[in-house]
Amino acid sequence: MYRLSNDFARFHYAVTIVGCGGTGGFVAESLCRLL
């Protein structure tokens, strides 16, 4: 359970950082497909 929360935190952090670059939508879509 802790690992899942930690992974989700990293996922949110990565999306936030990349989102600032303007490609957050593309990355989010790709990750959703992987999940």
PDB file of N, CA and C in Angstrom:
ATOM      1  N   MET A   1       0.840  -1.195   0.000  1.00  0.00           N
ATOM      2  CA  MET A   1       0.000   0.000   0.000  1.00  0.00           C
ATOM      3  C   MET A   1       0.877   1.248   0.000  1.00  0.00           C
ATOM      4  N   TYR A   2       1.922   1.198   0.799  1.00  0.00           N
ATOM      5  CA  TYR A   2       2.832   2.353   0.870  1.00  0.00           C
ATOM      6  C   TYR A   2       3.529   2.563  -0.462  1.00  0.00           C
ATOM      7  N   ARG A   3       3.906   1.447  -1.092  1.00  0.00           N
ATOM      8  CA  ARG A   3       4.600   1.550  -2.376  1.00  0.00           C
ATOM      9  C   ARG A   3       3.688   2.178  -3.428  1.00  0.00           C
ATOM     10  N   LEU A   4       2.423   1.794  -3.406  1.00  0.00           N
ATOM     11  CA  LEU A   4       1.471   2.329  -4.367  1.00  0.00           C
ATOM     12  C   LEU A   4       1.346   3.841  -4.197  1.00  0.00           C
ATOM     13  N   SER A   5       1.271   4.285  -2.943  1.00  0.00           N
ATOM     14  CA  SER A   5       1.147   5.715  -2.663  1.00  0.00           C
ATOM     15  C   SER A   5       2.401   6.450  -3.117  1.00  0.00           C
ATOM     16  N   ASN A   6       3.550   5.832  -2.896  1.00  0.00           N
ATOM     17  CA  ASN A   6       4.816   6.458  -3.278  1.00  0.00           C
ATOM     18  C   ASN A   6       4.907   6.580  -4.792  1.00  0.00           C
ATOM     19  N   ASP A   7       4.500   5.537  -5.500  1.00  0.00           N
ATOM     20  CA  ASP A   7       4.536   5.568  -6.962  1.00  0.00           C
ATOM     21  C   ASP A   7       3.580   6.629  -7.486  1.00  0.00           C
ATOM     22  N   PHE A   8       2.427   6.745  -6.863  1.00  0.00           N
ATOM     23  CA  PHE A   8       1.444   7.739  -7.297  1.00  0.00           C
ATOM     24  C   PHE A   8       1.999   9.138  -7.079  1.00  0.00           C
ATOM     25  N   ALA A   9       2.710   9.337  -5.977  1.00  0.00           N
ATOM     26  CA  ALA A   9       3.303  10.643  -5.682  1.00  0.00           C
ATOM     27  C   ALA A   9       4.328  10.990  -6.751  1.00  0.00           C
ATOM     28  N   ARG A  10       5.120  10.013  -7.150  1.00  0.00           N
ATOM     29  CA  ARG A  10       6.130  10.249  -8.185  1.00  0.00           C
ATOM     30  C   ARG A  10       5.456  10.548  -9.511  1.00  0.00           C
ATOM     31  N   PHE A  11       4.382   9.837  -9.793  1.00  0.00           N
ATOM     32  CA  PHE A  11       3.636  10.038 -11.032  1.00  0.00           C
ATOM     33  C   PHE A  11       3.085  11.463 -11.078  1.00  0.00           C
ATOM     34  N   HIS A  12       2.486  11.899  -9.986  1.00  0.00           N
ATOM     35  CA  HIS A  12       1.918  13.252  -9.912  1.00  0.00           C
ATOM     36  C   HIS A  12       3.018  14.293 -10.057  1.00  0.00           C
ATOM     37  N   TYR A  13       4.144  14.040  -9.416  1.00  0.00           N
ATOM     38  CA  TYR A  13       5.276  14.974  -9.487  1.00  0.00           C
ATOM     39  C   TYR A  13       5.804  15.075 -10.915  1.00  0.00           C
ATOM     40  N   ALA A  14       5.940  13.927 -11.566  1.00  0.00           N
ATOM     41  CA  ALA A  14       6.457  13.912 -12.940  1.00  0.00           C
ATOM     42  C   ALA A  14       5.507  14.639 -13.881  1.00  0.00           C
ATOM     43  N   VAL A  15       4.216  14.401 -13.740  1.00  0.00           N
ATOM     44  CA  VAL A  15       3.225  15.053 -14.597  1.00  0.00           C
ATOM     45  C   VAL A  15       3.242  16.558 -14.376  1.00  0.00           C
ATOM     46  N   THR A  16       3.407  16.964 -13.123  1.00  0.00           N
ATOM     47  CA  THR A  16       3.434  18.395 -12.805  1.00  0.00           C
ATOM     48  C   THR A  16       4.637  19.065 -13.446  1.00  0.00           C
ATOM     49  N   ILE A  17       5.806  18.438 -13.338  1.00  0.00           N
ATOM     50  CA  ILE A  17       7.035  19.000 -13.910  1.00  0.00           C
ATOM     51  C   ILE A  17       6.951  19.061 -15.427  1.00  0.00           C
ATOM     52  N   VAL A  18       6.549  17.958 -16.045  1.00  0.00           N
ATOM     53  CA  VAL A  18       6.463  17.904 -17.499  1.00  0.00           C
ATOM     54  C   VAL A  18       5.358  18.828 -18.001  1.00  0.00           C
ATOM     55  N   GLY A  19       4.294  18.953 -17.207  1.00  0.00           N
ATOM     56  CA  GLY A  19       3.181  19.817 -17.590  1.00  0.00           C
ATOM     57  C   GLY A  19       3.655  21.254 -17.774  1.00  0.00           C
ATOM     58  N   CYS A  20       4.623  21.662 -16.981  1.00  0.00           N
ATOM     59  CA  CYS A  20       5.162  23.014 -17.089  1.00  0.00           C
ATOM     60  C   CYS A  20       5.865  23.188 -18.422  1.00  0.00           C
ATOM     61  N   GLY A  21       6.298  22.082 -19.019  1.00  0.00           N
ATOM     62  CA  GLY A  21       7.010  22.150 -20.293  1.00  0.00           C
ATOM     63  C   GLY A  21       6.048  22.240 -21.463  1.00  0.00           C
ATOM     64  N   GLY A  22       4.766  21.993 -21.196  1.00  0.00           N
ATOM     65  CA  GLY A  22       3.767  22.097 -22.255  1.00  0.00           C
ATOM     66  C   GLY A  22       3.415  20.764 -22.898  1.00  0.00           C
ATOM     67  N   THR A  23       4.047  19.666 -22.426  1.00  0.00           N
ATOM     68  CA  THR A  23       3.755  18.358 -23.020  1.00  0.00           C
ATOM     69  C   THR A  23       3.085  17.438 -22.005  1.00  0.00           C
ATOM     70  N   GLY A  24       2.539  18.029 -20.948  1.00  0.00           N
ATOM     71  CA  GLY A  24       1.893  17.234 -19.897  1.00  0.00           C
ATOM     72  C   GLY A  24       0.758  16.382 -20.437  1.00  0.00           C
ATOM     73  N   GLY A  25      -0.021  16.941 -21.370  1.00  0.00           N
ATOM     74  CA  GLY A  25      -1.150  16.202 -21.921  1.00  0.00           C
ATOM     75  C   GLY A  25      -0.701  14.939 -22.637  1.00  0.00           C
ATOM     76  N   PHE A  26       0.368  15.058 -23.417  1.00  0.00           N
ATOM     77  CA  PHE A  26       0.873  13.910 -24.167  1.00  0.00           C
ATOM     78  C   PHE A  26       1.378  12.825 -23.223  1.00  0.00           C
ATOM     79  N   VAL A  27       2.145  13.233 -22.218  1.00  0.00           N
ATOM     80  CA  VAL A  27       2.696  12.276 -21.255  1.00  0.00           C
ATOM     81  C   VAL A  27       1.582  11.611 -20.460  1.00  0.00           C
ATOM     82  N   ALA A  28       0.610  12.401 -20.027  1.00  0.00           N
ATOM     83  CA  ALA A  28      -0.497  11.853 -19.245  1.00  0.00           C
ATOM     84  C   ALA A  28      -1.257  10.809 -20.056  1.00  0.00           C
ATOM     85  N   GLU A  29      -1.478  11.103 -21.325  1.00  0.00           N
ATOM     86  CA  GLU A  29      -2.199  10.165 -22.188  1.00  0.00           C
ATOM     87  C   GLU A  29      -1.414   8.872 -22.347  1.00  0.00           C
ATOM     88  N   SER A  30      -0.102   8.991 -22.535  1.00  0.00           N
ATOM     89  CA  SER A  30       0.752   7.815 -22.700  1.00  0.00           C
ATOM     90  C   SER A  30       0.741   6.961 -21.446  1.00  0.00           C
ATOM     91  N   LEU A  31       0.828   7.609 -20.276  1.00  0.00           N
ATOM     92  CA  LEU A  31       0.846   6.869 -19.022  1.00  0.00           C
ATOM     93  C   LEU A  31      -0.487   6.181 -18.802  1.00  0.00           C
ATOM     94  N   CYS A  32      -1.571   6.837 -19.172  1.00  0.00           N
ATOM     95  CA  CYS A  32      -2.895   6.234 -19.004  1.00  0.00           C
ATOM     96  C   CYS A  32      -3.012   4.980 -19.858  1.00  0.00           C
ATOM     97  N   ARG A  33      -2.423   5.012 -21.036  1.00  0.00           N
ATOM     98  CA  ARG A  33      -2.471   3.845 -21.920  1.00  0.00           C
ATOM     99  C   ARG A  33      -1.655   2.703 -21.334  1.00  0.00           C
ATOM    100  N   LEU A  34      -0.530   3.048 -20.687  1.00  0.00           N
ATOM    101  CA  LEU A  34       0.315   2.015 -20.091  1.00  0.00           C
ATOM    102  C   LEU A  34      -0.404   1.370 -18.918  1.00  0.00           C
ATOM    103  N   LEU A  35      -1.157   2.179 -18.176  1.00  0.00           N
ATOM    104  CA  LEU A  35      -1.871   1.653 -17.014  1.00  0.00           C
ATOM    105  C   LEU A  35      -3.091   0.873 -17.482  1.00  0.00           C
TER     106      LEU A  35
END
